[in-house]
Amino acid sequence: MGRSRYRVIGNQPHFLTCTVVNWIPLFSKVELAEIVLNSLTFLQRQQRLILYSYVLMENHLHLIASAASLSKKIGNFKSFTARSIVDLLTLNQSKHILAQLQFYKLKHKTDQQYQVWQEGFHPQAILNEEMFTQKLNYIHSNPVRRGYVDDPAHWRYSSYRNYIGQPGLLEVEIIDF
């Protein structure tokens, strides 16, 4: 595997993307979306991650976040959520989805039966206010661009409400430039 062009730079905020293998729409199931949201809440409460913005779509997650050892924190997050998702799918006997997660697992991952997340998370350091604003708008308009809602405030799995002074599902740290 080649080297990634994406690098984590210090503890500053980064735009991140975590994608489900083969873009399988796992998070259209509320109980699977809750695993991701609860895991992010845990990381925040343990002061392991500062979350500035997020959107959880049916098959991927965008964040603006920062942490000491961000790569390690996101790796642990993906590992924990993958295990929890597979456990729940197994408990619910969701054989069709499990078969897909097994089929699309990368061949070199011989120590596991399933793969939930694609490798990597494509960190892009937020270098200035303009870049932050561009990424924030990209995140919040994602459900609108996909045609799921007409107003970003109507997508419950997003930090948009936080930014317009309404309560969101997760707390976020609002950046003041």
N, C-alpha and C. Protein backbone atom coordinates (compact mmCIF):
# COMPACT_ATOMS: atom_id res chain seq x y z
N MET A 1 0.83 -1.16 0.00
CA MET A 1 0.00 0.00 0.00
C MET A 1 0.88 1.23 0.00
N GLY A 2 0.55 2.22 -0.82
CA GLY A 2 1.34 3.44 -0.91
C GLY A 2 1.11 4.37 0.27
N ARG A 3 1.97 5.34 0.38
CA ARG A 3 1.81 6.31 1.46
C ARG A 3 0.69 7.28 1.13
N SER A 4 -0.02 7.67 2.17
CA SER A 4 -1.12 8.60 2.00
C SER A 4 -0.60 10.02 1.88
N ARG A 5 -1.31 10.84 1.12
CA ARG A 5 -0.93 12.24 1.02
C ARG A 5 -1.50 13.04 2.19
N TYR A 6 -2.30 12.40 3.03
CA TYR A 6 -2.92 13.07 4.16
C TYR A 6 -2.09 12.85 5.42
N ARG A 7 -1.89 13.91 6.19
CA ARG A 7 -1.10 13.85 7.41
C ARG A 7 -1.78 14.65 8.51
N VAL A 8 -1.68 14.16 9.73
CA VAL A 8 -2.13 14.93 10.88
C VAL A 8 -1.01 15.88 11.27
N ILE A 9 -1.36 17.14 11.47
CA ILE A 9 -0.38 18.17 11.82
C ILE A 9 -0.72 18.67 13.22
N GLY A 10 0.06 18.27 14.21
CA GLY A 10 -0.11 18.76 15.57
C GLY A 10 -1.49 18.51 16.15
N ASN A 11 -1.88 19.38 17.07
CA ASN A 11 -3.17 19.24 17.76
C ASN A 11 -4.25 20.15 17.19
N GLN A 12 -3.99 20.76 16.05
CA GLN A 12 -4.97 21.69 15.49
C GLN A 12 -6.16 20.93 14.91
N PRO A 13 -7.28 21.62 14.70
CA PRO A 13 -8.45 20.96 14.11
C PRO A 13 -8.14 20.40 12.71
N HIS A 14 -8.75 19.25 12.43
CA HIS A 14 -8.62 18.60 11.13
C HIS A 14 -10.01 18.23 10.62
N PHE A 15 -10.16 18.30 9.31
CA PHE A 15 -11.35 17.78 8.64
C PHE A 15 -11.08 16.31 8.37
N LEU A 16 -12.00 15.43 8.77
CA LEU A 16 -11.81 13.99 8.65
C LEU A 16 -13.02 13.35 7.97
N THR A 17 -12.77 12.26 7.28
CA THR A 17 -13.84 11.48 6.68
C THR A 17 -13.61 10.01 6.98
N CYS A 18 -14.61 9.36 7.53
CA CYS A 18 -14.59 7.92 7.76
C CYS A 18 -15.72 7.32 6.93
N THR A 19 -15.39 6.36 6.09
CA THR A 19 -16.34 5.80 5.13
C THR A 19 -16.53 4.31 5.35
N VAL A 20 -17.75 3.85 5.27
CA VAL A 20 -18.06 2.43 5.38
C VAL A 20 -17.59 1.73 4.10
N VAL A 21 -17.10 0.50 4.24
CA VAL A 21 -16.64 -0.25 3.07
C VAL A 21 -17.75 -0.32 2.03
N ASN A 22 -17.35 -0.15 0.80
CA ASN A 22 -18.26 -0.19 -0.36
C ASN A 22 -19.47 0.73 -0.20
N TRP A 23 -19.35 1.72 0.63
CA TRP A 23 -20.41 2.71 0.85
C TRP A 23 -21.73 2.06 1.26
N ILE A 24 -21.64 0.97 2.03
CA ILE A 24 -22.84 0.28 2.51
C ILE A 24 -23.60 1.22 3.46
N PRO A 25 -24.90 1.41 3.28
CA PRO A 25 -25.66 2.39 4.08
C PRO A 25 -26.02 1.88 5.49
N LEU A 26 -25.01 1.60 6.29
CA LEU A 26 -25.23 1.07 7.64
C LEU A 26 -26.02 2.02 8.53
N PHE A 27 -25.74 3.32 8.43
CA PHE A 27 -26.27 4.26 9.40
C PHE A 27 -27.68 4.73 9.07
N SER A 28 -28.31 4.06 8.09
CA SER A 28 -29.74 4.26 7.90
C SER A 28 -30.50 3.53 9.00
N LYS A 29 -29.80 2.65 9.71
CA LYS A 29 -30.37 1.98 10.88
C LYS A 29 -30.00 2.80 12.12
N VAL A 30 -31.00 3.29 12.81
CA VAL A 30 -30.80 4.20 13.95
C VAL A 30 -29.87 3.60 15.00
N GLU A 31 -30.04 2.33 15.29
CA GLU A 31 -29.22 1.71 16.35
C GLU A 31 -27.73 1.68 15.97
N LEU A 32 -27.41 1.63 14.70
CA LEU A 32 -26.00 1.66 14.27
C LEU A 32 -25.47 3.09 14.28
N ALA A 33 -26.32 4.05 13.91
CA ALA A 33 -25.92 5.46 14.00
C ALA A 33 -25.65 5.82 15.46
N GLU A 34 -26.45 5.31 16.36
CA GLU A 34 -26.27 5.61 17.79
C GLU A 34 -24.94 5.10 18.32
N ILE A 35 -24.44 4.00 17.79
CA ILE A 35 -23.12 3.50 18.20
C ILE A 35 -22.06 4.55 17.90
N VAL A 36 -22.12 5.13 16.71
CA VAL A 36 -21.14 6.15 16.31
C VAL A 36 -21.29 7.39 17.19
N LEU A 37 -22.51 7.88 17.35
CA LEU A 37 -22.75 9.08 18.14
C LEU A 37 -22.36 8.87 19.60
N ASN A 38 -22.71 7.73 20.17
CA ASN A 38 -22.35 7.46 21.57
C ASN A 38 -20.84 7.35 21.74
N SER A 39 -20.16 6.81 20.76
CA SER A 39 -18.70 6.71 20.83
C SER A 39 -18.04 8.09 20.78
N LEU A 40 -18.57 8.96 19.93
CA LEU A 40 -18.05 10.33 19.89
C LEU A 40 -18.30 11.06 21.21
N THR A 41 -19.48 10.86 21.78
CA THR A 41 -19.80 11.46 23.08
C THR A 41 -18.83 10.97 24.15
N PHE A 42 -18.56 9.67 24.16
CA PHE A 42 -17.61 9.11 25.12
C PHE A 42 -16.24 9.77 24.99
N LEU A 43 -15.75 9.88 23.76
CA LEU A 43 -14.44 10.50 23.55
C LEU A 43 -14.42 11.94 24.03
N GLN A 44 -15.51 12.65 23.82
CA GLN A 44 -15.59 14.04 24.29
C GLN A 44 -15.59 14.09 25.82
N ARG A 45 -16.40 13.27 26.44
CA ARG A 45 -16.50 13.30 27.91
C ARG A 45 -15.20 12.88 28.58
N GLN A 46 -14.46 12.01 27.92
CA GLN A 46 -13.16 11.58 28.45
C GLN A 46 -12.05 12.55 28.08
N GLN A 47 -12.41 13.63 27.41
CA GLN A 47 -11.49 14.67 26.94
C GLN A 47 -10.38 14.09 26.06
N ARG A 48 -10.76 13.13 25.23
CA ARG A 48 -9.84 12.52 24.28
C ARG A 48 -9.97 13.14 22.89
N LEU A 49 -11.06 13.88 22.68
CA LEU A 49 -11.34 14.45 21.36
C LEU A 49 -12.14 15.74 21.55
N ILE A 50 -11.77 16.76 20.81
CA ILE A 50 -12.56 17.99 20.74
C ILE A 50 -13.27 17.97 19.40
N LEU A 51 -14.58 18.04 19.46
CA LEU A 51 -15.41 17.97 18.26
C LEU A 51 -15.92 19.37 17.94
N TYR A 52 -15.63 19.84 16.72
CA TYR A 52 -16.06 21.17 16.29
C TYR A 52 -17.26 21.10 15.35
N SER A 53 -17.37 20.02 14.61
CA SER A 53 -18.46 19.87 13.65
C SER A 53 -18.54 18.41 13.22
N TYR A 54 -19.73 17.99 12.82
CA TYR A 54 -19.89 16.61 12.34
C TYR A 54 -21.14 16.51 11.48
N VAL A 55 -21.16 15.50 10.65
CA VAL A 55 -22.37 15.03 9.99
C VAL A 55 -22.20 13.54 9.80
N LEU A 56 -23.21 12.79 10.20
CA LEU A 56 -23.24 11.36 9.99
C LEU A 56 -24.27 11.09 8.90
N MET A 57 -23.78 10.58 7.78
CA MET A 57 -24.65 10.22 6.67
C MET A 57 -24.89 8.71 6.73
N GLU A 58 -25.61 8.15 5.77
CA GLU A 58 -25.94 6.74 5.83
C GLU A 58 -24.73 5.82 5.66
N ASN A 59 -23.64 6.32 5.07
CA ASN A 59 -22.49 5.46 4.81
C ASN A 59 -21.14 6.12 5.07
N HIS A 60 -21.15 7.30 5.67
CA HIS A 60 -19.89 7.96 6.00
C HIS A 60 -20.10 9.02 7.07
N LEU A 61 -18.99 9.45 7.62
CA LEU A 61 -18.98 10.43 8.69
C LEU A 61 -17.94 11.48 8.37
N HIS A 62 -18.32 12.75 8.47
CA HIS A 62 -17.38 13.86 8.35
C HIS A 62 -17.28 14.52 9.72
N LEU A 63 -16.07 14.89 10.09
CA LEU A 63 -15.83 15.59 11.35
C LEU A 63 -14.85 16.72 11.14
N ILE A 64 -14.95 17.73 11.98
CA ILE A 64 -13.83 18.62 12.24
C ILE A 64 -13.54 18.38 13.71
N ALA A 65 -12.34 17.91 13.99
CA ALA A 65 -11.99 17.51 15.35
C ALA A 65 -10.50 17.72 15.58
N SER A 66 -10.14 17.73 16.85
CA SER A 66 -8.73 17.78 17.21
C SER A 66 -8.51 16.91 18.44
N ALA A 67 -7.28 16.46 18.60
CA ALA A 67 -6.90 15.64 19.75
C ALA A 67 -5.40 15.47 19.74
N ALA A 68 -4.85 15.23 20.92
CA ALA A 68 -3.47 14.76 20.98
C ALA A 68 -3.50 13.35 20.39
N SER A 69 -2.59 13.03 19.54
CA SER A 69 -2.56 11.71 18.87
C SER A 69 -3.87 11.43 18.14
N LEU A 70 -4.26 12.37 17.29
CA LEU A 70 -5.53 12.25 16.57
C LEU A 70 -5.63 10.95 15.78
N SER A 71 -4.57 10.56 15.10
CA SER A 71 -4.60 9.33 14.32
C SER A 71 -4.93 8.12 15.19
N LYS A 72 -4.31 8.07 16.36
CA LYS A 72 -4.56 6.95 17.27
C LYS A 72 -5.99 6.99 17.80
N LYS A 73 -6.48 8.17 18.14
CA LYS A 73 -7.85 8.30 18.66
C LYS A 73 -8.87 7.87 17.61
N ILE A 74 -8.67 8.29 16.37
CA ILE A 74 -9.62 7.91 15.31
C ILE A 74 -9.50 6.42 15.01
N GLY A 75 -8.29 5.89 15.03
CA GLY A 75 -8.11 4.45 14.85
C GLY A 75 -8.84 3.65 15.92
N ASN A 76 -8.72 4.08 17.17
CA ASN A 76 -9.42 3.40 18.27
C ASN A 76 -10.94 3.54 18.13
N PHE A 77 -11.37 4.74 17.74
CA PHE A 77 -12.80 4.99 17.51
C PHE A 77 -13.35 4.04 16.44
N LYS A 78 -12.65 3.95 15.33
CA LYS A 78 -13.10 3.09 14.23
C LYS A 78 -13.08 1.62 14.65
N SER A 79 -12.08 1.22 15.38
CA SER A 79 -11.99 -0.16 15.83
C SER A 79 -13.14 -0.50 16.79
N PHE A 80 -13.37 0.38 17.77
CA PHE A 80 -14.43 0.14 18.75
C PHE A 80 -15.80 0.14 18.07
N THR A 81 -16.07 1.12 17.22
CA THR A 81 -17.39 1.19 16.59
C THR A 81 -17.60 0.01 15.64
N ALA A 82 -16.55 -0.41 14.94
CA ALA A 82 -16.67 -1.57 14.05
C ALA A 82 -17.04 -2.82 14.84
N ARG A 83 -16.34 -3.04 15.95
CA ARG A 83 -16.62 -4.21 16.77
C ARG A 83 -18.06 -4.16 17.30
N SER A 84 -18.47 -2.98 17.77
CA SER A 84 -19.83 -2.82 18.31
C SER A 84 -20.89 -3.02 17.22
N ILE A 85 -20.63 -2.51 16.03
CA ILE A 85 -21.57 -2.67 14.91
C ILE A 85 -21.69 -4.14 14.52
N VAL A 86 -20.57 -4.82 14.40
CA VAL A 86 -20.60 -6.25 14.04
C VAL A 86 -21.31 -7.05 15.14
N ASP A 87 -21.03 -6.74 16.39
CA ASP A 87 -21.70 -7.44 17.49
C ASP A 87 -23.22 -7.27 17.42
N LEU A 88 -23.68 -6.04 17.17
CA LEU A 88 -25.12 -5.79 17.09
C LEU A 88 -25.74 -6.47 15.87
N LEU A 89 -25.05 -6.41 14.75
CA LEU A 89 -25.56 -7.08 13.55
C LEU A 89 -25.64 -8.59 13.76
N THR A 90 -24.66 -9.13 14.46
CA THR A 90 -24.66 -10.57 14.76
C THR A 90 -25.83 -10.91 15.69
N LEU A 91 -26.01 -10.11 16.73
CA LEU A 91 -27.09 -10.31 17.68
C LEU A 91 -28.45 -10.25 16.98
N ASN A 92 -28.59 -9.33 16.05
CA ASN A 92 -29.85 -9.15 15.31
C ASN A 92 -29.97 -10.09 14.11
N GLN A 93 -28.98 -10.94 13.92
CA GLN A 93 -28.94 -11.90 12.81
C GLN A 93 -29.13 -11.21 11.46
N SER A 94 -28.40 -10.12 11.28
CA SER A 94 -28.44 -9.36 10.02
C SER A 94 -27.45 -9.98 9.04
N LYS A 95 -27.77 -11.17 8.58
CA LYS A 95 -26.85 -11.97 7.78
C LYS A 95 -26.49 -11.31 6.45
N HIS A 96 -27.43 -10.61 5.84
CA HIS A 96 -27.17 -9.98 4.54
C HIS A 96 -26.10 -8.89 4.68
N ILE A 97 -26.23 -8.05 5.69
CA ILE A 97 -25.25 -6.97 5.89
C ILE A 97 -23.90 -7.57 6.31
N LEU A 98 -23.92 -8.54 7.19
CA LEU A 98 -22.67 -9.18 7.60
C LEU A 98 -21.96 -9.83 6.41
N ALA A 99 -22.73 -10.43 5.51
CA ALA A 99 -22.13 -11.04 4.31
C ALA A 99 -21.44 -9.97 3.46
N GLN A 100 -22.05 -8.79 3.37
CA GLN A 100 -21.42 -7.70 2.61
C GLN A 100 -20.13 -7.23 3.29
N LEU A 101 -20.18 -7.08 4.62
CA LEU A 101 -18.98 -6.64 5.36
C LEU A 101 -17.86 -7.67 5.25
N GLN A 102 -18.22 -8.93 5.10
CA GLN A 102 -17.23 -9.97 4.91
C GLN A 102 -16.70 -9.96 3.48
N PHE A 103 -17.59 -9.81 2.51
CA PHE A 103 -17.19 -9.82 1.11
C PHE A 103 -16.25 -8.66 0.77
N TYR A 104 -16.53 -7.48 1.32
CA TYR A 104 -15.74 -6.29 0.98
C TYR A 104 -14.54 -6.08 1.90
N LYS A 105 -14.30 -7.00 2.81
CA LYS A 105 -13.12 -6.93 3.67
C LYS A 105 -11.87 -7.07 2.81
N LEU A 106 -10.90 -6.22 3.08
CA LEU A 106 -9.65 -6.32 2.33
C LEU A 106 -8.97 -7.65 2.61
N LYS A 107 -8.40 -8.24 1.57
CA LYS A 107 -7.84 -9.59 1.67
C LYS A 107 -6.70 -9.70 2.69
N HIS A 108 -5.93 -8.60 2.87
CA HIS A 108 -4.81 -8.68 3.81
C HIS A 108 -5.25 -8.61 5.27
N LYS A 109 -6.52 -8.38 5.53
CA LYS A 109 -7.03 -8.32 6.90
C LYS A 109 -7.43 -9.74 7.33
N THR A 110 -6.44 -10.56 7.54
CA THR A 110 -6.68 -11.97 7.83
C THR A 110 -7.04 -12.23 9.29
N ASP A 111 -6.87 -11.24 10.15
CA ASP A 111 -7.15 -11.42 11.58
C ASP A 111 -8.60 -11.09 11.94
N GLN A 112 -9.43 -10.78 10.96
CA GLN A 112 -10.81 -10.44 11.25
C GLN A 112 -11.72 -11.00 10.17
N GLN A 113 -12.97 -11.22 10.54
CA GLN A 113 -13.94 -11.80 9.61
C GLN A 113 -14.65 -10.72 8.79
N TYR A 114 -14.79 -9.53 9.39
CA TYR A 114 -15.54 -8.46 8.75
C TYR A 114 -14.72 -7.18 8.73
N GLN A 115 -15.08 -6.26 7.84
CA GLN A 115 -14.50 -4.92 7.83
C GLN A 115 -15.66 -3.94 7.68
N VAL A 116 -15.75 -3.00 8.63
CA VAL A 116 -16.81 -2.00 8.60
C VAL A 116 -16.33 -0.73 7.90
N TRP A 117 -15.19 -0.21 8.31
CA TRP A 117 -14.68 1.07 7.81
C TRP A 117 -13.61 0.85 6.75
N GLN A 118 -13.59 1.70 5.74
CA GLN A 118 -12.45 1.74 4.82
C GLN A 118 -11.23 2.17 5.61
N GLU A 119 -10.06 1.80 5.13
CA GLU A 119 -8.83 2.22 5.78
C GLU A 119 -8.64 3.72 5.65
N GLY A 120 -8.02 4.31 6.65
CA GLY A 120 -7.69 5.72 6.62
C GLY A 120 -8.86 6.60 7.01
N PHE A 121 -8.57 7.91 7.16
CA PHE A 121 -9.63 8.86 7.47
C PHE A 121 -9.35 10.23 6.85
N HIS A 122 -8.37 10.31 5.99
CA HIS A 122 -8.09 11.48 5.16
C HIS A 122 -8.03 12.81 5.92
N PRO A 123 -7.19 12.93 6.95
CA PRO A 123 -7.14 14.18 7.71
C PRO A 123 -6.60 15.34 6.90
N GLN A 124 -7.29 16.46 6.98
CA GLN A 124 -6.84 17.70 6.35
C GLN A 124 -6.79 18.76 7.43
N ALA A 125 -5.61 19.28 7.72
CA ALA A 125 -5.46 20.30 8.74
C ALA A 125 -6.23 21.56 8.36
N ILE A 126 -6.93 22.12 9.33
CA ILE A 126 -7.63 23.39 9.13
C ILE A 126 -6.61 24.49 9.38
N LEU A 127 -6.21 25.16 8.33
CA LEU A 127 -5.09 26.10 8.40
C LEU A 127 -5.49 27.54 8.66
N ASN A 128 -6.78 27.87 8.39
CA ASN A 128 -7.20 29.25 8.59
C ASN A 128 -8.73 29.32 8.66
N GLU A 129 -9.24 30.50 8.92
CA GLU A 129 -10.69 30.69 9.06
C GLU A 129 -11.43 30.36 7.77
N GLU A 130 -10.86 30.74 6.64
CA GLU A 130 -11.50 30.47 5.35
C GLU A 130 -11.67 28.97 5.13
N MET A 131 -10.63 28.21 5.43
CA MET A 131 -10.70 26.76 5.25
C MET A 131 -11.71 26.14 6.23
N PHE A 132 -11.72 26.63 7.47
CA PHE A 132 -12.69 26.13 8.45
C PHE A 132 -14.11 26.37 7.96
N THR A 133 -14.38 27.57 7.50
CA THR A 133 -15.72 27.92 7.02
C THR A 133 -16.11 27.05 5.83
N GLN A 134 -15.18 26.83 4.91
CA GLN A 134 -15.46 26.00 3.73
C GLN A 134 -15.80 24.57 4.16
N LYS A 135 -15.01 23.98 5.06
CA LYS A 135 -15.26 22.60 5.52
C LYS A 135 -16.55 22.51 6.33
N LEU A 136 -16.79 23.52 7.17
CA LEU A 136 -18.01 23.55 7.97
C LEU A 136 -19.24 23.59 7.06
N ASN A 137 -19.22 24.44 6.05
CA ASN A 137 -20.33 24.51 5.10
C ASN A 137 -20.49 23.21 4.32
N TYR A 138 -19.36 22.59 3.95
CA TYR A 138 -19.40 21.31 3.24
C TYR A 138 -20.09 20.25 4.10
N ILE A 139 -19.68 20.18 5.37
CA ILE A 139 -20.26 19.19 6.29
C ILE A 139 -21.76 19.42 6.43
N HIS A 140 -22.14 20.65 6.73
CA HIS A 140 -23.55 20.93 7.03
C HIS A 140 -24.45 20.85 5.80
N SER A 141 -23.91 21.06 4.62
CA SER A 141 -24.74 20.98 3.42
C SER A 141 -24.78 19.58 2.82
N ASN A 142 -24.05 18.64 3.38
CA ASN A 142 -24.00 17.28 2.84
C ASN A 142 -25.39 16.66 2.69
N PRO A 143 -26.24 16.68 3.72
CA PRO A 143 -27.58 16.08 3.55
C PRO A 143 -28.45 16.81 2.53
N VAL A 144 -28.23 18.12 2.38
CA VAL A 144 -28.99 18.89 1.39
C VAL A 144 -28.53 18.50 -0.01
N ARG A 145 -27.21 18.43 -0.22
CA ARG A 145 -26.68 18.03 -1.53
C ARG A 145 -27.16 16.65 -1.93
N ARG A 146 -27.31 15.75 -0.96
CA ARG A 146 -27.76 14.39 -1.25
C ARG A 146 -29.27 14.32 -1.48
N GLY A 147 -29.98 15.42 -1.22
CA GLY A 147 -31.42 15.46 -1.45
C GLY A 147 -32.24 14.88 -0.31
N TYR A 148 -31.64 14.68 0.85
CA TYR A 148 -32.37 14.09 1.98
C TYR A 148 -33.23 15.11 2.71
N VAL A 149 -32.77 16.36 2.74
CA VAL A 149 -33.51 17.44 3.40
C VAL A 149 -33.34 18.70 2.56
N ASP A 150 -34.26 19.65 2.75
CA ASP A 150 -34.14 20.94 2.09
C ASP A 150 -33.40 21.95 2.95
N ASP A 151 -33.41 21.72 4.24
CA ASP A 151 -32.80 22.63 5.20
C ASP A 151 -31.84 21.81 6.07
N PRO A 152 -30.57 22.23 6.20
CA PRO A 152 -29.63 21.44 7.00
C PRO A 152 -30.06 21.28 8.46
N ALA A 153 -30.90 22.15 8.96
CA ALA A 153 -31.39 22.02 10.34
C ALA A 153 -32.30 20.81 10.52
N HIS A 154 -32.80 20.26 9.42
CA HIS A 154 -33.69 19.11 9.50
C HIS A 154 -32.95 17.78 9.55
N TRP A 155 -31.64 17.79 9.37
CA TRP A 155 -30.84 16.55 9.46
C TRP A 155 -30.36 16.41 10.90
N ARG A 156 -30.90 15.44 11.60
CA ARG A 156 -30.62 15.33 13.03
C ARG A 156 -29.19 14.92 13.35
N TYR A 157 -28.51 14.23 12.45
CA TYR A 157 -27.15 13.73 12.72
C TYR A 157 -26.10 14.73 12.23
N SER A 158 -26.21 15.97 12.69
CA SER A 158 -25.33 17.02 12.23
C SER A 158 -25.17 18.07 13.32
N SER A 159 -24.08 18.80 13.25
CA SER A 159 -23.83 19.89 14.20
C SER A 159 -24.44 21.21 13.73
N TYR A 160 -25.15 21.21 12.62
CA TYR A 160 -25.71 22.46 12.10
C TYR A 160 -26.54 23.18 13.15
N ARG A 161 -27.39 22.44 13.86
CA ARG A 161 -28.25 23.07 14.88
C ARG A 161 -27.41 23.76 15.95
N ASN A 162 -26.30 23.17 16.33
CA ASN A 162 -25.43 23.81 17.33
C ASN A 162 -25.00 25.19 16.85
N TYR A 163 -24.73 25.30 15.55
CA TYR A 163 -24.21 26.54 15.00
C TYR A 163 -25.28 27.61 14.80
N ILE A 164 -26.55 27.23 14.90
CA ILE A 164 -27.61 28.24 14.79
C ILE A 164 -28.30 28.44 16.15
N GLY A 165 -27.62 27.99 17.22
CA GLY A 165 -28.11 28.24 18.57
C GLY A 165 -29.19 27.29 19.06
N GLN A 166 -29.37 26.17 18.39
CA GLN A 166 -30.33 25.16 18.82
C GLN A 166 -29.58 23.95 19.38
N PRO A 167 -30.23 23.16 20.22
CA PRO A 167 -29.55 21.96 20.74
C PRO A 167 -29.37 20.91 19.65
N GLY A 168 -28.18 20.32 19.62
CA GLY A 168 -27.89 19.23 18.69
C GLY A 168 -27.79 17.93 19.46
N LEU A 169 -27.61 16.83 18.75
CA LEU A 169 -27.47 15.54 19.42
C LEU A 169 -26.16 15.44 20.19
N LEU A 170 -25.10 16.07 19.67
CA LEU A 170 -23.80 16.09 20.32
C LEU A 170 -23.41 17.52 20.61
N GLU A 171 -22.65 17.71 21.65
CA GLU A 171 -22.09 19.02 21.92
C GLU A 171 -20.91 19.25 20.99
N VAL A 172 -20.71 20.47 20.56
CA VAL A 172 -19.55 20.81 19.76
C VAL A 172 -18.91 22.07 20.33
N GLU A 173 -17.63 22.18 20.09
CA GLU A 173 -16.87 23.37 20.46
C GLU A 173 -16.93 24.32 19.26
N ILE A 174 -17.54 25.47 19.46
CA ILE A 174 -17.65 26.43 18.38
C ILE A 174 -16.32 27.21 18.30
N ILE A 175 -15.70 27.19 17.12
CA ILE A 175 -14.43 27.92 16.95
C ILE A 175 -14.74 29.38 16.74
N ASP A 176 -14.05 30.21 17.50
CA ASP A 176 -14.19 31.66 17.36
C ASP A 176 -12.89 32.21 16.80
N PHE A 177 -12.92 32.58 15.54
CA PHE A 177 -11.69 33.10 14.90
C PHE A 177 -11.53 34.56 15.19
